[in-house]
């Protein structure tokens, strides 16, 4: 059969092209079409391509017949630009705070012009942040299985700004400053508050890790299989990983009592809620037997 690839952009000099395949539309997969385009134009590797039919995106693993395409039909092509793997993106994002926080914490003369002894609150906060992002890096390498292999390279800078600036420089500078140093009134915390925040943090981080392992086990290696997640946390909300991460940053926010921590908390929770609602709607659309009682992110609320 023949399939014409037309450009989404009128400026394209590479398209339109006509590709020939052996067999009927039911025998030709979307992956074969992408491979044929990449063979003709090596710079347009599969992850860089977006193929659509009347605004419907063609997905890997499906055939042309699944979209009602026939011999001689056409498919629209869009170049998504240079791509970078999600795993690399995550490593870059979480790596920022892991560099910024030690620099600010251990080099106070460089950032504040003076040396001072850190308070207990500052030390506990520092290790909370460091352990959180070390866990995220570990999960990125050894736990997560990504449904989408890549993202546009240009988005790395936008995504990283959230972590490098808000939870990196912003949080580190204002929490580790001399105004919170040992002996200052701003640094005074009761044992009950400190240990309470530590307990909440440990519970939330372990719970968050547990939900990430649950999601990993739903997807066999090398596949993009999607199933309904069940078990710890998932019986109440679609995205318990976001809910437990909210509790982690709540512990940091309450412990530090810093406007910078409050700011990051509000922005981070707001963004996670947007993601949770989107994923919740996706689950309900994809699975007809999806549990009706689940909320998106906050148990019994939303």
C-alpha atoms as a PDB file:
ATOM      1  CA  UNK A   1       0.000   0.000   0.000  1.00  0.00           C
ATOM      2  CA  UNK A   2       0.976   3.643  -0.400  1.00  0.00           C
ATOM      3  CA  UNK A   3       0.828   6.349   2.261  1.00  0.00           C
ATOM      4  CA  UNK A   4       1.485  10.043   1.644  1.00  0.00           C
ATOM      5  CA  UNK A   5       3.188  12.035   4.391  1.00  0.00           C
ATOM      6  CA  UNK A   6       2.226  15.709   4.255  1.00  0.00           C
ATOM      7  CA  UNK A   7       3.842  18.508   6.293  1.00  0.00           C
ATOM      8  CA  UNK A   8       2.008  20.353   9.067  1.00  0.00           C
ATOM      9  CA  UNK A   9       4.180  23.356   8.239  1.00  0.00           C
ATOM     10  CA  UNK A  10       4.020  24.856   4.718  1.00  0.00           C
ATOM     11  CA  UNK A  11       7.718  25.794   5.061  1.00  0.00           C
ATOM     12  CA  UNK A  12       8.845  22.152   5.069  1.00  0.00           C
ATOM     13  CA  UNK A  13      11.156  21.266   2.182  1.00  0.00           C
ATOM     14  CA  UNK A  14      11.283  17.534   2.954  1.00  0.00           C
ATOM     15  CA  UNK A  15       7.606  16.765   2.489  1.00  0.00           C
ATOM     16  CA  UNK A  16       5.264  15.656   1.027  1.00  0.00           C
ATOM     17  CA  UNK A  17       6.616  12.175   0.331  1.00  0.00           C
ATOM     18  CA  UNK A  18       4.942   8.890  -0.591  1.00  0.00           C
ATOM     19  CA  UNK A  19       5.925   5.689   1.189  1.00  0.00           C
ATOM     20  CA  UNK A  20       5.339   2.160  -0.098  1.00  0.00           C
ATOM     21  CA  UNK A  21       4.547  -0.737   2.233  1.00  0.00           C
ATOM     22  CA  UNK A  22       3.873  -4.419   1.689  1.00  0.00           C
ATOM     23  CA  UNK A  23       0.430  -5.586   2.767  1.00  0.00           C
ATOM     24  CA  UNK A  24      -2.834  -3.949   3.746  1.00  0.00           C
ATOM     25  CA  UNK A  25      -3.353  -1.126   6.298  1.00  0.00           C
ATOM     26  CA  UNK A  26      -3.936  -3.812   8.932  1.00  0.00           C
ATOM     27  CA  UNK A  27      -0.406  -5.134   8.241  1.00  0.00           C
ATOM     28  CA  UNK A  28       1.374  -1.778   8.494  1.00  0.00           C
ATOM     29  CA  UNK A  29       2.110  -0.409  11.972  1.00  0.00           C
ATOM     30  CA  UNK A  30       2.659   3.180  13.030  1.00  0.00           C
ATOM     31  CA  UNK A  31       6.151   2.135  14.098  1.00  0.00           C
ATOM     32  CA  UNK A  32       6.894   0.988  10.541  1.00  0.00           C
ATOM     33  CA  UNK A  33       5.785   4.332   9.150  1.00  0.00           C
ATOM     34  CA  UNK A  34       7.992   6.220  11.603  1.00  0.00           C
ATOM     35  CA  UNK A  35      10.932   3.927  10.806  1.00  0.00           C
ATOM     36  CA  UNK A  36      10.437   4.558   7.086  1.00  0.00           C
ATOM     37  CA  UNK A  37      10.446   8.333   7.607  1.00  0.00           C
ATOM     38  CA  UNK A  38      13.558   8.088   9.797  1.00  0.00           C
ATOM     39  CA  UNK A  39      15.297   5.967   7.174  1.00  0.00           C
ATOM     40  CA  UNK A  40      14.627   8.593   4.505  1.00  0.00           C
ATOM     41  CA  UNK A  41      15.406  11.534   6.812  1.00  0.00           C
ATOM     42  CA  UNK A  42      17.706  10.337   9.667  1.00  0.00           C
ATOM     43  CA  UNK A  43      17.295  13.539  11.678  1.00  0.00           C
ATOM     44  CA  UNK A  44      13.579  12.780  12.060  1.00  0.00           C
ATOM     45  CA  UNK A  45      13.969   9.816  14.424  1.00  0.00           C
ATOM     46  CA  UNK A  46      10.737   8.317  15.794  1.00  0.00           C
ATOM     47  CA  UNK A  47      10.595  10.324  19.035  1.00  0.00           C
ATOM     48  CA  UNK A  48      10.892  13.524  17.041  1.00  0.00           C
ATOM     49  CA  UNK A  49       7.854  12.725  14.882  1.00  0.00           C
ATOM     50  CA  UNK A  50       4.199  13.505  15.470  1.00  0.00           C
ATOM     51  CA  UNK A  51       1.873  11.871  12.944  1.00  0.00           C
ATOM     52  CA  UNK A  52      -1.802  12.826  12.889  1.00  0.00           C
ATOM     53  CA  UNK A  53      -5.007  12.076  11.003  1.00  0.00           C
ATOM     54  CA  UNK A  54      -7.616  14.799  11.392  1.00  0.00           C
ATOM     55  CA  UNK A  55      -6.023  15.984  14.662  1.00  0.00           C
ATOM     56  CA  UNK A  56      -5.843  12.419  16.048  1.00  0.00           C
ATOM     57  CA  UNK A  57      -2.289  11.422  16.927  1.00  0.00           C
ATOM     58  CA  UNK A  58      -1.057   8.047  15.685  1.00  0.00           C
ATOM     59  CA  UNK A  59       0.286   5.949  18.555  1.00  0.00           C
ATOM     60  CA  UNK A  60       3.073   3.403  18.661  1.00  0.00           C
ATOM     61  CA  UNK A  61       1.903  -0.196  18.670  1.00  0.00           C
ATOM     62  CA  UNK A  62      -1.162   0.416  16.529  1.00  0.00           C
ATOM     63  CA  UNK A  63      -1.751  -0.192  12.822  1.00  0.00           C
ATOM     64  CA  UNK A  64      -2.938   2.166  10.094  1.00  0.00           C
ATOM     65  CA  UNK A  65      -6.228   0.242   9.960  1.00  0.00           C
ATOM     66  CA  UNK A  66      -6.868   1.248  13.586  1.00  0.00           C
ATOM     67  CA  UNK A  67      -7.268   4.814  12.324  1.00  0.00           C
ATOM     68  CA  UNK A  68      -9.362   3.918   9.296  1.00  0.00           C
ATOM     69  CA  UNK A  69      -6.547   4.659   6.850  1.00  0.00           C
ATOM     70  CA  UNK A  70      -6.676   3.107   3.381  1.00  0.00           C
ATOM     71  CA  UNK A  71      -4.323   2.712   0.452  1.00  0.00           C
ATOM     72  CA  UNK A  72      -3.452   6.147  -0.949  1.00  0.00           C
ATOM     73  CA  UNK A  73      -4.478   8.111   2.153  1.00  0.00           C
ATOM     74  CA  UNK A  74      -2.299  10.776   3.749  1.00  0.00           C
ATOM     75  CA  UNK A  75      -0.958  11.466   7.226  1.00  0.00           C
ATOM     76  CA  UNK A  76       0.206  14.837   8.564  1.00  0.00           C
ATOM     77  CA  UNK A  77       3.779  15.089   9.880  1.00  0.00           C
ATOM     78  CA  UNK A  78       5.075  17.532  12.495  1.00  0.00           C
ATOM     79  CA  UNK A  79       8.688  17.859  13.588  1.00  0.00           C
ATOM     80  CA  UNK A  80       8.764  18.072  17.399  1.00  0.00           C
ATOM     81  CA  UNK A  81      12.363  19.281  17.348  1.00  0.00           C
ATOM     82  CA  UNK A  82      15.436  17.790  19.071  1.00  0.00           C
ATOM     83  CA  UNK A  83      14.453  15.457  21.910  1.00  0.00           C
ATOM     84  CA  UNK A  84      15.956  14.518  25.252  1.00  0.00           C
ATOM     85  CA  UNK A  85      15.045  11.478  27.352  1.00  0.00           C
ATOM     86  CA  UNK A  86      12.792  11.986  30.343  1.00  0.00           C
ATOM     87  CA  UNK A  87      15.299  10.138  32.497  1.00  0.00           C
ATOM     88  CA  UNK A  88      17.982  12.678  31.612  1.00  0.00           C
ATOM     89  CA  UNK A  89      15.550  15.544  32.212  1.00  0.00           C
ATOM     90  CA  UNK A  90      14.749  14.273  35.700  1.00  0.00           C
ATOM     91  CA  UNK A  91      18.425  13.828  36.535  1.00  0.00           C
ATOM     92  CA  UNK A  92      19.092  17.430  35.497  1.00  0.00           C
ATOM     93  CA  UNK A  93      16.069  18.798  37.365  1.00  0.00           C
ATOM     94  CA  UNK A  94      16.783  17.047  40.657  1.00  0.00           C
ATOM     95  CA  UNK A  95      20.513  17.543  40.342  1.00  0.00           C
ATOM     96  CA  UNK A  96      20.179  21.315  40.675  1.00  0.00           C
ATOM     97  CA  UNK A  97      19.077  21.373  44.331  1.00  0.00           C
ATOM     98  CA  UNK A  98      21.654  18.693  45.164  1.00  0.00           C
ATOM     99  CA  UNK A  99      24.378  21.117  44.060  1.00  0.00           C
ATOM    100  CA  UNK A 100      22.850  24.400  45.226  1.00  0.00           C
ATOM    101  CA  UNK A 101      21.906  23.423  48.792  1.00  0.00           C
ATOM    102  CA  UNK A 102      25.368  22.154  49.847  1.00  0.00           C
ATOM    103  CA  UNK A 103      27.011  25.247  48.330  1.00  0.00           C
ATOM    104  CA  UNK A 104      24.786  27.637  50.283  1.00  0.00           C
ATOM    105  CA  UNK A 105      24.848  25.559  53.468  1.00  0.00           C
ATOM    106  CA  UNK A 106      28.593  24.904  53.641  1.00  0.00           C
ATOM    107  CA  UNK A 107      29.869  28.192  52.160  1.00  0.00           C
ATOM    108  CA  UNK A 108      28.046  30.885  54.166  1.00  0.00           C
ATOM    109  CA  UNK A 109      30.859  33.424  53.680  1.00  0.00           C
ATOM    110  CA  UNK A 110      30.345  33.233  49.917  1.00  0.00           C
ATOM    111  CA  UNK A 111      26.604  33.869  50.092  1.00  0.00           C
ATOM    112  CA  UNK A 112      26.164  35.897  53.288  1.00  0.00           C
ATOM    113  CA  UNK A 113      29.580  37.471  53.850  1.00  0.00           C
ATOM    114  CA  UNK A 114      30.015  35.855  57.261  1.00  0.00           C
ATOM    115  CA  UNK A 115      30.516  32.532  58.992  1.00  0.00           C
ATOM    116  CA  UNK A 116      28.076  31.289  61.617  1.00  0.00           C
ATOM    117  CA  UNK A 117      26.855  28.134  63.330  1.00  0.00           C
ATOM    118  CA  UNK A 118      23.758  26.598  61.796  1.00  0.00           C
ATOM    119  CA  UNK A 119      20.761  25.993  64.005  1.00  0.00           C
ATOM    120  CA  UNK A 120      19.187  22.602  64.548  1.00  0.00           C
ATOM    121  CA  UNK A 121      16.254  23.707  62.407  1.00  0.00           C
ATOM    122  CA  UNK A 122      18.578  24.573  59.516  1.00  0.00           C
ATOM    123  CA  UNK A 123      20.464  21.281  59.757  1.00  0.00           C
ATOM    124  CA  UNK A 124      17.298  19.175  59.850  1.00  0.00           C
ATOM    125  CA  UNK A 125      15.822  21.160  56.937  1.00  0.00           C
ATOM    126  CA  UNK A 126      19.014  20.714  54.930  1.00  0.00           C
ATOM    127  CA  UNK A 127      18.971  16.938  55.275  1.00  0.00           C
ATOM    128  CA  UNK A 128      15.252  16.782  54.522  1.00  0.00           C
ATOM    129  CA  UNK A 129      15.819  18.521  51.208  1.00  0.00           C
ATOM    130  CA  UNK A 130      18.958  16.558  50.342  1.00  0.00           C
ATOM    131  CA  UNK A 131      17.445  13.155  51.129  1.00  0.00           C
ATOM    132  CA  UNK A 132      14.313  14.026  49.155  1.00  0.00           C
ATOM    133  CA  UNK A 133      16.224  14.814  45.982  1.00  0.00           C
ATOM    134  CA  UNK A 134      18.684  11.945  46.454  1.00  0.00           C
ATOM    135  CA  UNK A 135      15.659   9.658  46.621  1.00  0.00           C
ATOM    136  CA  UNK A 136      14.274  11.213  43.462  1.00  0.00           C
ATOM    137  CA  UNK A 137      17.559  10.639  41.626  1.00  0.00           C
ATOM    138  CA  UNK A 138      17.620   7.016  42.809  1.00  0.00           C
ATOM    139  CA  UNK A 139      14.043   6.504  41.614  1.00  0.00           C
ATOM    140  CA  UNK A 140      14.847   8.074  38.257  1.00  0.00           C
ATOM    141  CA  UNK A 141      17.669   5.604  37.634  1.00  0.00           C
ATOM    142  CA  UNK A 142      16.349   2.438  39.265  1.00  0.00           C
ATOM    143  CA  UNK A 143      12.561   2.699  39.707  1.00  0.00           C
ATOM    144  CA  UNK A 144      10.726   4.772  37.110  1.00  0.00           C
ATOM    145  CA  UNK A 145       9.564   3.312  33.802  1.00  0.00           C
ATOM    146  CA  UNK A 146       8.528   6.122  31.512  1.00  0.00           C
ATOM    147  CA  UNK A 147       5.454   5.948  29.272  1.00  0.00           C
ATOM    148  CA  UNK A 148       6.945   8.694  27.096  1.00  0.00           C
ATOM    149  CA  UNK A 149      10.576   8.236  26.131  1.00  0.00           C
ATOM    150  CA  UNK A 150      11.486  11.832  25.344  1.00  0.00           C
ATOM    151  CA  UNK A 151      10.476  15.474  25.496  1.00  0.00           C
ATOM    152  CA  UNK A 152      11.563  18.530  23.444  1.00  0.00           C
ATOM    153  CA  UNK A 153      15.034  19.656  24.528  1.00  0.00           C
ATOM    154  CA  UNK A 154      13.908  23.283  24.791  1.00  0.00           C
ATOM    155  CA  UNK A 155      11.605  22.342  27.699  1.00  0.00           C
ATOM    156  CA  UNK A 156      14.550  21.336  29.893  1.00  0.00           C
ATOM    157  CA  UNK A 157      15.239  24.954  30.830  1.00  0.00           C
ATOM    158  CA  UNK A 158      11.621  25.674  31.764  1.00  0.00           C
ATOM    159  CA  UNK A 159      11.281  22.473  33.784  1.00  0.00           C
ATOM    160  CA  UNK A 160      14.602  22.927  35.557  1.00  0.00           C
ATOM    161  CA  UNK A 161      13.803  26.501  36.621  1.00  0.00           C
ATOM    162  CA  UNK A 162      11.119  25.187  38.987  1.00  0.00           C
ATOM    163  CA  UNK A 163      13.644  23.018  40.837  1.00  0.00           C
ATOM    164  CA  UNK A 164      16.860  24.996  40.449  1.00  0.00           C
ATOM    165  CA  UNK A 165      15.363  28.348  41.387  1.00  0.00           C
ATOM    166  CA  UNK A 166      12.342  27.725  43.630  1.00  0.00           C
ATOM    167  CA  UNK A 167      13.417  24.639  45.581  1.00  0.00           C
ATOM    168  CA  UNK A 168      17.099  25.292  44.959  1.00  0.00           C
ATOM    169  CA  UNK A 169      18.438  28.816  45.310  1.00  0.00           C
ATOM    170  CA  UNK A 170      15.266  30.390  46.727  1.00  0.00           C
ATOM    171  CA  UNK A 171      14.784  27.806  49.471  1.00  0.00           C
ATOM    172  CA  UNK A 172      18.466  27.404  50.337  1.00  0.00           C
ATOM    173  CA  UNK A 173      19.300  31.119  50.559  1.00  0.00           C
ATOM    174  CA  UNK A 174      16.423  32.097  52.830  1.00  0.00           C
ATOM    175  CA  UNK A 175      16.437  29.039  55.083  1.00  0.00           C
ATOM    176  CA  UNK A 176      20.202  28.751  55.693  1.00  0.00           C
ATOM    177  CA  UNK A 177      20.827  32.468  56.304  1.00  0.00           C
ATOM    178  CA  UNK A 178      22.339  33.997  59.475  1.00  0.00           C
ATOM    179  CA  UNK A 179      18.886  35.217  60.589  1.00  0.00           C
ATOM    180  CA  UNK A 180      18.073  31.548  61.257  1.00  0.00           C
ATOM    181  CA  UNK A 181      21.457  30.693  62.787  1.00  0.00           C
ATOM    182  CA  UNK A 182      21.974  29.013  66.154  1.00  0.00           C
ATOM    183  CA  UNK A 183      20.942  31.271  69.018  1.00  0.00           C
ATOM    184  CA  UNK A 184      18.587  33.471  67.001  1.00  0.00           C
ATOM    185  CA  UNK A 185      14.943  33.777  67.979  1.00  0.00           C
ATOM    186  CA  UNK A 186      13.757  32.933  64.464  1.00  0.00           C
ATOM    187  CA  UNK A 187      15.460  29.538  64.723  1.00  0.00           C
ATOM    188  CA  UNK A 188      13.795  28.498  67.979  1.00  0.00           C
ATOM    189  CA  UNK A 189      11.659  25.392  67.597  1.00  0.00           C
ATOM    190  CA  UNK A 190      10.159  23.097  70.211  1.00  0.00           C
ATOM    191  CA  UNK A 191      11.268  19.460  70.257  1.00  0.00           C
ATOM    192  CA  UNK A 192       7.676  18.432  69.581  1.00  0.00           C
ATOM    193  CA  UNK A 193       7.534  20.508  66.403  1.00  0.00           C
ATOM    194  CA  UNK A 194      10.898  19.310  65.079  1.00  0.00           C
ATOM    195  CA  UNK A 195      10.304  15.630  65.788  1.00  0.00           C
ATOM    196  CA  UNK A 196       6.730  15.897  64.541  1.00  0.00           C
ATOM    197  CA  UNK A 197       7.959  17.293  61.225  1.00  0.00           C
ATOM    198  CA  UNK A 198      10.638  14.607  60.990  1.00  0.00           C
ATOM    199  CA  UNK A 199       8.043  11.876  61.595  1.00  0.00           C
ATOM    200  CA  UNK A 200       5.670  13.315  58.974  1.00  0.00           C
ATOM    201  CA  UNK A 201       8.540  13.654  56.508  1.00  0.00           C
ATOM    202  CA  UNK A 202       9.725  10.043  56.955  1.00  0.00           C
ATOM    203  CA  UNK A 203       6.166   8.691  56.627  1.00  0.00           C
ATOM    204  CA  UNK A 204       5.550  10.755  53.487  1.00  0.00           C
ATOM    205  CA  UNK A 205       8.844   9.905  51.782  1.00  0.00           C
ATOM    206  CA  UNK A 206       8.506   6.167  52.408  1.00  0.00           C
ATOM    207  CA  UNK A 207       4.874   6.248  51.263  1.00  0.00           C
ATOM    208  CA  UNK A 208       5.831   8.185  48.147  1.00  0.00           C
ATOM    209  CA  UNK A 209       8.531   5.629  47.345  1.00  0.00           C
ATOM    210  CA  UNK A 210       6.045   2.786  47.864  1.00  0.00           C
ATOM    211  CA  UNK A 211       3.594   4.282  45.344  1.00  0.00           C
ATOM    212  CA  UNK A 212       6.378   4.753  42.783  1.00  0.00           C
ATOM    213  CA  UNK A 213       7.306   1.073  43.115  1.00  0.00           C
ATOM    214  CA  UNK A 214       3.628   0.145  42.647  1.00  0.00           C
ATOM    215  CA  UNK A 215       3.492   2.174  39.419  1.00  0.00           C
ATOM    216  CA  UNK A 216       6.732   0.601  38.199  1.00  0.00           C
ATOM    217  CA  UNK A 217       5.399  -2.906  38.727  1.00  0.00           C
ATOM    218  CA  UNK A 218       2.348  -2.160  36.566  1.00  0.00           C
ATOM    219  CA  UNK A 219       4.491  -1.715  33.459  1.00  0.00           C
ATOM    220  CA  UNK A 220       6.653  -4.592  32.166  1.00  0.00           C
ATOM    221  CA  UNK A 221      10.166  -3.521  31.099  1.00  0.00           C
ATOM    222  CA  UNK A 222      10.373  -2.048  27.608  1.00  0.00           C
ATOM    223  CA  UNK A 223       6.621  -1.512  27.250  1.00  0.00           C
ATOM    224  CA  UNK A 224       4.114   1.330  27.553  1.00  0.00           C
ATOM    225  CA  UNK A 225       1.404  -0.826  29.062  1.00  0.00           C
ATOM    226  CA  UNK A 226      -1.089   1.040  31.248  1.00  0.00           C
ATOM    227  CA  UNK A 227      -3.129  -0.617  33.999  1.00  0.00           C
ATOM    228  CA  UNK A 228      -5.316   0.568  36.859  1.00  0.00           C
ATOM    229  CA  UNK A 229      -3.069   1.069  39.903  1.00  0.00           C
ATOM    230  CA  UNK A 230      -4.386  -0.431  43.134  1.00  0.00           C
ATOM    231  CA  UNK A 231      -3.259  -0.861  46.707  1.00  0.00           C
ATOM    232  CA  UNK A 232      -1.673   1.456  49.250  1.00  0.00           C
ATOM    233  CA  UNK A 233      -2.833   5.021  48.595  1.00  0.00           C
ATOM    234  CA  UNK A 234      -4.429   4.227  45.250  1.00  0.00           C
ATOM    235  CA  UNK A 235      -7.723   3.089  46.786  1.00  0.00           C
ATOM    236  CA  UNK A 236      -8.402   6.703  47.757  1.00  0.00           C
ATOM    237  CA  UNK A 237      -6.777   8.804  45.020  1.00  0.00           C
ATOM    238  CA  UNK A 238      -5.425   8.387  41.509  1.00  0.00           C
ATOM    239  CA  UNK A 239      -2.095  10.045  42.352  1.00  0.00           C
ATOM    240  CA  UNK A 240      -1.096   9.228  45.946  1.00  0.00           C
ATOM    241  CA  UNK A 241       2.531   9.862  45.003  1.00  0.00           C
ATOM    242  CA  UNK A 242       1.666  13.558  44.635  1.00  0.00           C
ATOM    243  CA  UNK A 243      -0.338  13.546  47.867  1.00  0.00           C
ATOM    244  CA  UNK A 244       2.548  12.044  49.846  1.00  0.00           C
ATOM    245  CA  UNK A 245       5.016  14.464  48.275  1.00  0.00           C
ATOM    246  CA  UNK A 246       2.703  17.263  49.399  1.00  0.00           C
ATOM    247  CA  UNK A 247       3.049  15.976  52.968  1.00  0.00           C
ATOM    248  CA  UNK A 248       6.854  15.938  52.627  1.00  0.00           C
ATOM    249  CA  UNK A 249       7.010  19.571  51.599  1.00  0.00           C
ATOM    250  CA  UNK A 250       4.420  20.465  54.235  1.00  0.00           C
ATOM    251  CA  UNK A 251       6.839  19.118  56.847  1.00  0.00           C
ATOM    252  CA  UNK A 252       9.646  21.287  55.435  1.00  0.00           C
ATOM    253  CA  UNK A 253       7.372  24.313  55.252  1.00  0.00           C
ATOM    254  CA  UNK A 254       6.142  23.965  58.836  1.00  0.00           C
ATOM    255  CA  UNK A 255       9.636  23.295  60.186  1.00  0.00           C
ATOM    256  CA  UNK A 256      11.305  26.267  58.483  1.00  0.00           C
ATOM    257  CA  UNK A 257       8.382  28.728  58.810  1.00  0.00           C
ATOM    258  CA  UNK A 258      10.033  30.483  55.864  1.00  0.00           C
ATOM    259  CA  UNK A 259       8.108  32.382  53.206  1.00  0.00           C
ATOM    260  CA  UNK A 260      10.413  30.783  50.613  1.00  0.00           C
ATOM    261  CA  UNK A 261       9.365  27.293  51.707  1.00  0.00           C
ATOM    262  CA  UNK A 262       5.704  28.374  51.757  1.00  0.00           C
ATOM    263  CA  UNK A 263       6.064  29.769  48.229  1.00  0.00           C
ATOM    264  CA  UNK A 264       7.588  26.576  46.877  1.00  0.00           C
ATOM    265  CA  UNK A 265       4.955  24.526  48.697  1.00  0.00           C
ATOM    266  CA  UNK A 266       2.068  26.441  47.115  1.00  0.00           C
ATOM    267  CA  UNK A 267       3.563  26.361  43.604  1.00  0.00           C
ATOM    268  CA  UNK A 268       4.565  22.687  43.810  1.00  0.00           C
ATOM    269  CA  UNK A 269       1.242  21.496  45.211  1.00  0.00           C
ATOM    270  CA  UNK A 270      -0.668  23.557  42.649  1.00  0.00           C
ATOM    271  CA  UNK A 271       1.344  22.038  39.798  1.00  0.00           C
ATOM    272  CA  UNK A 272       0.993  18.500  41.138  1.00  0.00           C
ATOM    273  CA  UNK A 273      -2.767  18.975  41.481  1.00  0.00           C
ATOM    274  CA  UNK A 274      -2.988  20.040  37.820  1.00  0.00           C
ATOM    275  CA  UNK A 275      -1.058  16.895  36.822  1.00  0.00           C
ATOM    276  CA  UNK A 276      -3.207  14.738  39.096  1.00  0.00           C
ATOM    277  CA  UNK A 277      -6.480  16.004  37.615  1.00  0.00           C
ATOM    278  CA  UNK A 278      -5.172  15.355  34.103  1.00  0.00           C
ATOM    279  CA  UNK A 279      -4.070  11.816  34.983  1.00  0.00           C
ATOM    280  CA  UNK A 280      -7.326  11.139  36.838  1.00  0.00           C
ATOM    281  CA  UNK A 281      -9.366  12.142  33.800  1.00  0.00           C
ATOM    282  CA  UNK A 282      -7.095  10.022  31.610  1.00  0.00           C
ATOM    283  CA  UNK A 283      -7.636   6.946  33.784  1.00  0.00           C
ATOM    284  CA  UNK A 284     -11.432   7.404  33.763  1.00  0.00           C
ATOM    285  CA  UNK A 285     -11.456   7.865  30.007  1.00  0.00           C
ATOM    286  CA  UNK A 286      -9.209   4.884  29.307  1.00  0.00           C
ATOM    287  CA  UNK A 287     -10.683   2.376  31.777  1.00  0.00           C
ATOM    288  CA  UNK A 288     -14.453   1.878  31.866  1.00  0.00           C
ATOM    289  CA  UNK A 289     -14.135  -0.014  35.169  1.00  0.00           C
ATOM    290  CA  UNK A 290     -12.054   2.673  36.872  1.00  0.00           C
ATOM    291  CA  UNK A 291     -13.110   3.039  40.554  1.00  0.00           C
ATOM    292  CA  UNK A 292     -15.680   5.829  40.801  1.00  0.00           C
ATOM    293  CA  UNK A 293     -14.947   6.733  44.388  1.00  0.00           C
ATOM    294  CA  UNK A 294     -11.350   7.809  43.828  1.00  0.00           C
ATOM    295  CA  UNK A 295     -10.399  11.455  43.929  1.00  0.00           C
ATOM    296  CA  UNK A 296      -7.548  12.988  41.940  1.00  0.00           C
ATOM    297  CA  UNK A 297      -5.000  13.795  44.671  1.00  0.00           C
ATOM    298  CA  UNK A 298      -6.544  14.675  48.017  1.00  0.00           C
ATOM    299  CA  UNK A 299      -8.476  11.831  49.760  1.00  0.00           C
ATOM    300  CA  UNK A 300     -12.238  12.503  50.026  1.00  0.00           C
ATOM    301  CA  UNK A 301     -11.754  16.074  48.752  1.00  0.00           C
ATOM    302  CA  UNK A 302     -10.467  16.502  45.192  1.00  0.00           C
END
